[in-house]
Amino acid sequence: MSIVEKAAVGLVIALGAVTCLRLISAPLKLALRVLGNAAVGFAALWLLQRTAHYTGITLGLNLFNTLTVGVLGLPGLGLLVLLQWVLT
């Protein structure tokens, strides 16, 4: 195999690697963003549980509530509190 063929094979491999990384990066960024938001939602619900004695507001610390608060933010927390108020 000549040097030109080796360079062509290397170039094809490099372009394939760059293409794969670009295809994977968008879903990976989305997954990391959702994971980070879920962590923030978990922290918010945990703090709400710690202050439940003073505020009287209690919400379960589960995956659904965590993702709701993580994705929707403060409106999601308000939605969960309103939903609990309506259902009880």
N, C-alpha and C. Protein backbone atom coordinates (compact mmCIF):
# COMPACT_ATOMS: atom_id res chain seq x y z
N MET A 1 0.85 -1.17 0.00
CA MET A 1 0.00 0.00 0.00
C MET A 1 0.90 1.23 0.00
N SER A 2 0.61 2.13 -0.91
CA SER A 2 1.44 3.33 -1.03
C SER A 2 1.02 4.38 -0.01
N ILE A 3 1.81 5.41 0.09
CA ILE A 3 1.55 6.48 1.04
C ILE A 3 0.26 7.23 0.71
N VAL A 4 -0.06 7.34 -0.58
CA VAL A 4 -1.28 8.02 -1.00
C VAL A 4 -2.51 7.21 -0.57
N GLU A 5 -2.45 5.90 -0.70
CA GLU A 5 -3.56 5.05 -0.29
C GLU A 5 -3.75 5.10 1.23
N LYS A 6 -2.64 5.10 1.95
CA LYS A 6 -2.71 5.19 3.42
C LYS A 6 -3.32 6.53 3.85
N ALA A 7 -2.94 7.60 3.16
CA ALA A 7 -3.50 8.91 3.49
C ALA A 7 -4.99 8.96 3.17
N ALA A 8 -5.40 8.34 2.07
CA ALA A 8 -6.81 8.33 1.70
C ALA A 8 -7.63 7.53 2.71
N VAL A 9 -7.11 6.39 3.14
CA VAL A 9 -7.80 5.58 4.14
C VAL A 9 -7.90 6.35 5.46
N GLY A 10 -6.82 7.01 5.86
CA GLY A 10 -6.83 7.81 7.08
C GLY A 10 -7.83 8.95 7.00
N LEU A 11 -7.93 9.59 5.84
CA LEU A 11 -8.87 10.68 5.66
C LEU A 11 -10.31 10.18 5.73
N VAL A 12 -10.59 9.04 5.13
CA VAL A 12 -11.93 8.46 5.17
C VAL A 12 -12.30 8.10 6.62
N ILE A 13 -11.35 7.52 7.36
CA ILE A 13 -11.62 7.16 8.76
C ILE A 13 -11.85 8.41 9.59
N ALA A 14 -11.06 9.45 9.37
CA ALA A 14 -11.23 10.69 10.12
C ALA A 14 -12.57 11.34 9.82
N LEU A 15 -12.97 11.39 8.56
CA LEU A 15 -14.27 11.96 8.20
C LEU A 15 -15.42 11.14 8.77
N GLY A 16 -15.28 9.82 8.79
CA GLY A 16 -16.30 8.97 9.38
C GLY A 16 -16.43 9.20 10.88
N ALA A 17 -15.31 9.38 11.56
CA ALA A 17 -15.33 9.64 13.00
C ALA A 17 -15.99 10.98 13.29
N VAL A 18 -15.67 12.01 12.52
CA VAL A 18 -16.27 13.33 12.72
C VAL A 18 -17.78 13.27 12.46
N THR A 19 -18.19 12.55 11.45
CA THR A 19 -19.61 12.41 11.14
C THR A 19 -20.35 11.70 12.28
N CYS A 20 -19.77 10.64 12.80
CA CYS A 20 -20.40 9.91 13.92
C CYS A 20 -20.51 10.80 15.15
N LEU A 21 -19.48 11.55 15.45
CA LEU A 21 -19.52 12.44 16.61
C LEU A 21 -20.59 13.52 16.46
N ARG A 22 -20.74 14.05 15.27
CA ARG A 22 -21.76 15.08 15.05
C ARG A 22 -23.17 14.50 15.16
N LEU A 23 -23.35 13.25 14.71
CA LEU A 23 -24.67 12.62 14.80
C LEU A 23 -25.03 12.29 16.25
N ILE A 24 -24.04 11.96 17.07
CA ILE A 24 -24.29 11.57 18.45
C ILE A 24 -24.36 12.78 19.37
N SER A 25 -23.75 13.90 19.01
CA SER A 25 -23.64 15.03 19.93
C SER A 25 -24.99 15.68 20.26
N ALA A 26 -25.89 15.79 19.31
CA ALA A 26 -27.18 16.44 19.57
C ALA A 26 -28.03 15.65 20.58
N PRO A 27 -28.24 14.35 20.39
CA PRO A 27 -29.01 13.61 21.40
C PRO A 27 -28.30 13.56 22.76
N LEU A 28 -26.97 13.52 22.73
CA LEU A 28 -26.22 13.49 23.98
C LEU A 28 -26.38 14.80 24.75
N LYS A 29 -26.37 15.92 24.04
CA LYS A 29 -26.58 17.21 24.69
C LYS A 29 -27.98 17.28 25.30
N LEU A 30 -28.97 16.79 24.58
CA LEU A 30 -30.34 16.79 25.09
C LEU A 30 -30.47 15.91 26.33
N ALA A 31 -29.85 14.74 26.29
CA ALA A 31 -29.92 13.83 27.43
C ALA A 31 -29.23 14.45 28.65
N LEU A 32 -28.10 15.09 28.45
CA LEU A 32 -27.40 15.73 29.57
C LEU A 32 -28.19 16.91 30.11
N ARG A 33 -28.86 17.65 29.26
CA ARG A 33 -29.68 18.77 29.71
C ARG A 33 -30.86 18.28 30.55
N VAL A 34 -31.52 17.22 30.11
CA VAL A 34 -32.64 16.66 30.86
C VAL A 34 -32.14 16.10 32.20
N LEU A 35 -30.98 15.46 32.20
CA LEU A 35 -30.42 14.93 33.44
C LEU A 35 -30.08 16.06 34.41
N GLY A 36 -29.51 17.14 33.92
CA GLY A 36 -29.20 18.28 34.77
C GLY A 36 -30.45 18.94 35.33
N ASN A 37 -31.46 19.09 34.49
CA ASN A 37 -32.73 19.67 34.95
C ASN A 37 -33.41 18.76 35.97
N ALA A 38 -33.30 17.45 35.78
CA ALA A 38 -33.88 16.53 36.75
C ALA A 38 -33.16 16.64 38.09
N ALA A 39 -31.86 16.85 38.07
CA ALA A 39 -31.11 17.03 39.32
C ALA A 39 -31.56 18.30 40.04
N VAL A 40 -31.78 19.36 39.29
CA VAL A 40 -32.27 20.61 39.89
C VAL A 40 -33.68 20.41 40.44
N GLY A 41 -34.53 19.70 39.72
CA GLY A 41 -35.87 19.40 40.19
C GLY A 41 -35.85 18.56 41.45
N PHE A 42 -34.95 17.59 41.51
CA PHE A 42 -34.81 16.78 42.71
C PHE A 42 -34.41 17.63 43.90
N ALA A 43 -33.46 18.53 43.69
CA ALA A 43 -33.02 19.42 44.77
C ALA A 43 -34.16 20.32 45.25
N ALA A 44 -34.96 20.82 44.31
CA ALA A 44 -36.08 21.69 44.69
C ALA A 44 -37.11 20.91 45.49
N LEU A 45 -37.42 19.70 45.08
CA LEU A 45 -38.38 18.90 45.83
C LEU A 45 -37.84 18.48 47.19
N TRP A 46 -36.55 18.22 47.25
CA TRP A 46 -35.93 17.87 48.53
C TRP A 46 -36.01 19.05 49.50
N LEU A 47 -35.73 20.25 49.00
CA LEU A 47 -35.84 21.44 49.85
C LEU A 47 -37.29 21.68 50.28
N LEU A 48 -38.22 21.42 49.38
CA LEU A 48 -39.63 21.56 49.73
C LEU A 48 -40.03 20.57 50.82
N GLN A 49 -39.51 19.35 50.75
CA GLN A 49 -39.78 18.36 51.78
C GLN A 49 -39.20 18.80 53.13
N ARG A 50 -38.03 19.41 53.11
CA ARG A 50 -37.38 19.85 54.34
C ARG A 50 -38.12 21.02 55.00
N THR A 51 -38.82 21.81 54.20
CA THR A 51 -39.56 22.95 54.75
C THR A 51 -41.05 22.66 54.89
N ALA A 52 -41.46 21.41 54.71
CA ALA A 52 -42.88 21.05 54.78
C ALA A 52 -43.47 21.30 56.16
N HIS A 53 -42.66 21.19 57.18
CA HIS A 53 -43.15 21.44 58.54
C HIS A 53 -43.61 22.89 58.71
N TYR A 54 -42.93 23.80 58.03
CA TYR A 54 -43.25 25.23 58.14
C TYR A 54 -44.31 25.67 57.14
N THR A 55 -44.25 25.11 55.93
CA THR A 55 -45.14 25.57 54.87
C THR A 55 -46.42 24.76 54.76
N GLY A 56 -46.38 23.51 55.16
CA GLY A 56 -47.54 22.64 55.03
C GLY A 56 -47.69 22.04 53.64
N ILE A 57 -46.73 22.30 52.76
CA ILE A 57 -46.77 21.76 51.40
C ILE A 57 -45.88 20.53 51.34
N THR A 58 -46.47 19.40 50.99
CA THR A 58 -45.69 18.17 50.85
C THR A 58 -45.96 17.58 49.48
N LEU A 59 -44.90 17.22 48.82
CA LEU A 59 -44.98 16.52 47.53
C LEU A 59 -44.06 15.31 47.62
N GLY A 60 -44.44 14.24 46.96
CA GLY A 60 -43.61 13.05 46.95
C GLY A 60 -42.32 13.29 46.18
N LEU A 61 -41.28 12.66 46.63
CA LEU A 61 -39.98 12.77 45.98
C LEU A 61 -39.81 11.54 45.09
N ASN A 62 -40.38 11.62 43.87
CA ASN A 62 -40.31 10.49 42.95
C ASN A 62 -39.88 10.98 41.56
N LEU A 63 -39.72 10.05 40.65
CA LEU A 63 -39.20 10.37 39.32
C LEU A 63 -40.15 11.29 38.55
N PHE A 64 -41.45 11.05 38.62
CA PHE A 64 -42.40 11.88 37.88
C PHE A 64 -42.35 13.32 38.35
N ASN A 65 -42.41 13.52 39.67
CA ASN A 65 -42.37 14.88 40.21
C ASN A 65 -41.03 15.55 39.90
N THR A 66 -39.95 14.79 40.00
CA THR A 66 -38.62 15.34 39.73
C THR A 66 -38.51 15.80 38.29
N LEU A 67 -38.95 14.99 37.34
CA LEU A 67 -38.88 15.39 35.94
C LEU A 67 -39.83 16.54 35.62
N THR A 68 -41.00 16.55 36.26
CA THR A 68 -41.94 17.65 36.03
C THR A 68 -41.35 18.97 36.48
N VAL A 69 -40.80 19.00 37.68
CA VAL A 69 -40.20 20.24 38.19
C VAL A 69 -38.92 20.56 37.41
N GLY A 70 -38.16 19.54 37.05
CA GLY A 70 -36.91 19.78 36.31
C GLY A 70 -37.14 20.34 34.93
N VAL A 71 -38.14 19.83 34.23
CA VAL A 71 -38.39 20.28 32.85
C VAL A 71 -39.18 21.59 32.83
N LEU A 72 -40.22 21.69 33.65
CA LEU A 72 -41.08 22.87 33.61
C LEU A 72 -40.63 23.99 34.54
N GLY A 73 -39.78 23.68 35.52
CA GLY A 73 -39.27 24.69 36.43
C GLY A 73 -40.29 25.07 37.48
N LEU A 74 -40.31 26.34 37.85
CA LEU A 74 -41.23 26.84 38.88
C LEU A 74 -42.70 26.65 38.50
N PRO A 75 -43.09 26.85 37.24
CA PRO A 75 -44.48 26.54 36.89
C PRO A 75 -44.83 25.06 37.10
N GLY A 76 -43.86 24.19 36.89
CA GLY A 76 -44.10 22.77 37.14
C GLY A 76 -44.33 22.48 38.61
N LEU A 77 -43.58 23.16 39.47
CA LEU A 77 -43.79 23.01 40.91
C LEU A 77 -45.17 23.53 41.30
N GLY A 78 -45.55 24.67 40.75
CA GLY A 78 -46.89 25.20 41.00
C GLY A 78 -47.97 24.26 40.49
N LEU A 79 -47.74 23.66 39.35
CA LEU A 79 -48.70 22.71 38.80
C LEU A 79 -48.88 21.51 39.71
N LEU A 80 -47.78 20.98 40.24
CA LEU A 80 -47.88 19.83 41.13
C LEU A 80 -48.58 20.19 42.44
N VAL A 81 -48.29 21.36 42.97
CA VAL A 81 -48.95 21.80 44.21
C VAL A 81 -50.44 22.00 43.95
N LEU A 82 -50.79 22.62 42.85
CA LEU A 82 -52.20 22.82 42.49
C LEU A 82 -52.89 21.48 42.28
N LEU A 83 -52.23 20.55 41.62
CA LEU A 83 -52.82 19.24 41.38
C LEU A 83 -53.05 18.49 42.69
N GLN A 84 -52.10 18.61 43.61
CA GLN A 84 -52.28 17.98 44.92
C GLN A 84 -53.44 18.64 45.67
N TRP A 85 -53.56 19.93 45.59
CA TRP A 85 -54.61 20.65 46.28
C TRP A 85 -55.99 20.26 45.74
N VAL A 86 -56.08 20.11 44.41
CA VAL A 86 -57.36 19.75 43.79
C VAL A 86 -57.74 18.32 44.12
N LEU A 87 -56.77 17.41 44.13
CA LEU A 87 -57.07 16.00 44.32
C LEU A 87 -57.29 15.61 45.79
N THR A 88 -56.88 16.47 46.72
CA THR A 88 -57.07 16.09 48.14
C THR A 88 -58.16 16.89 48.77
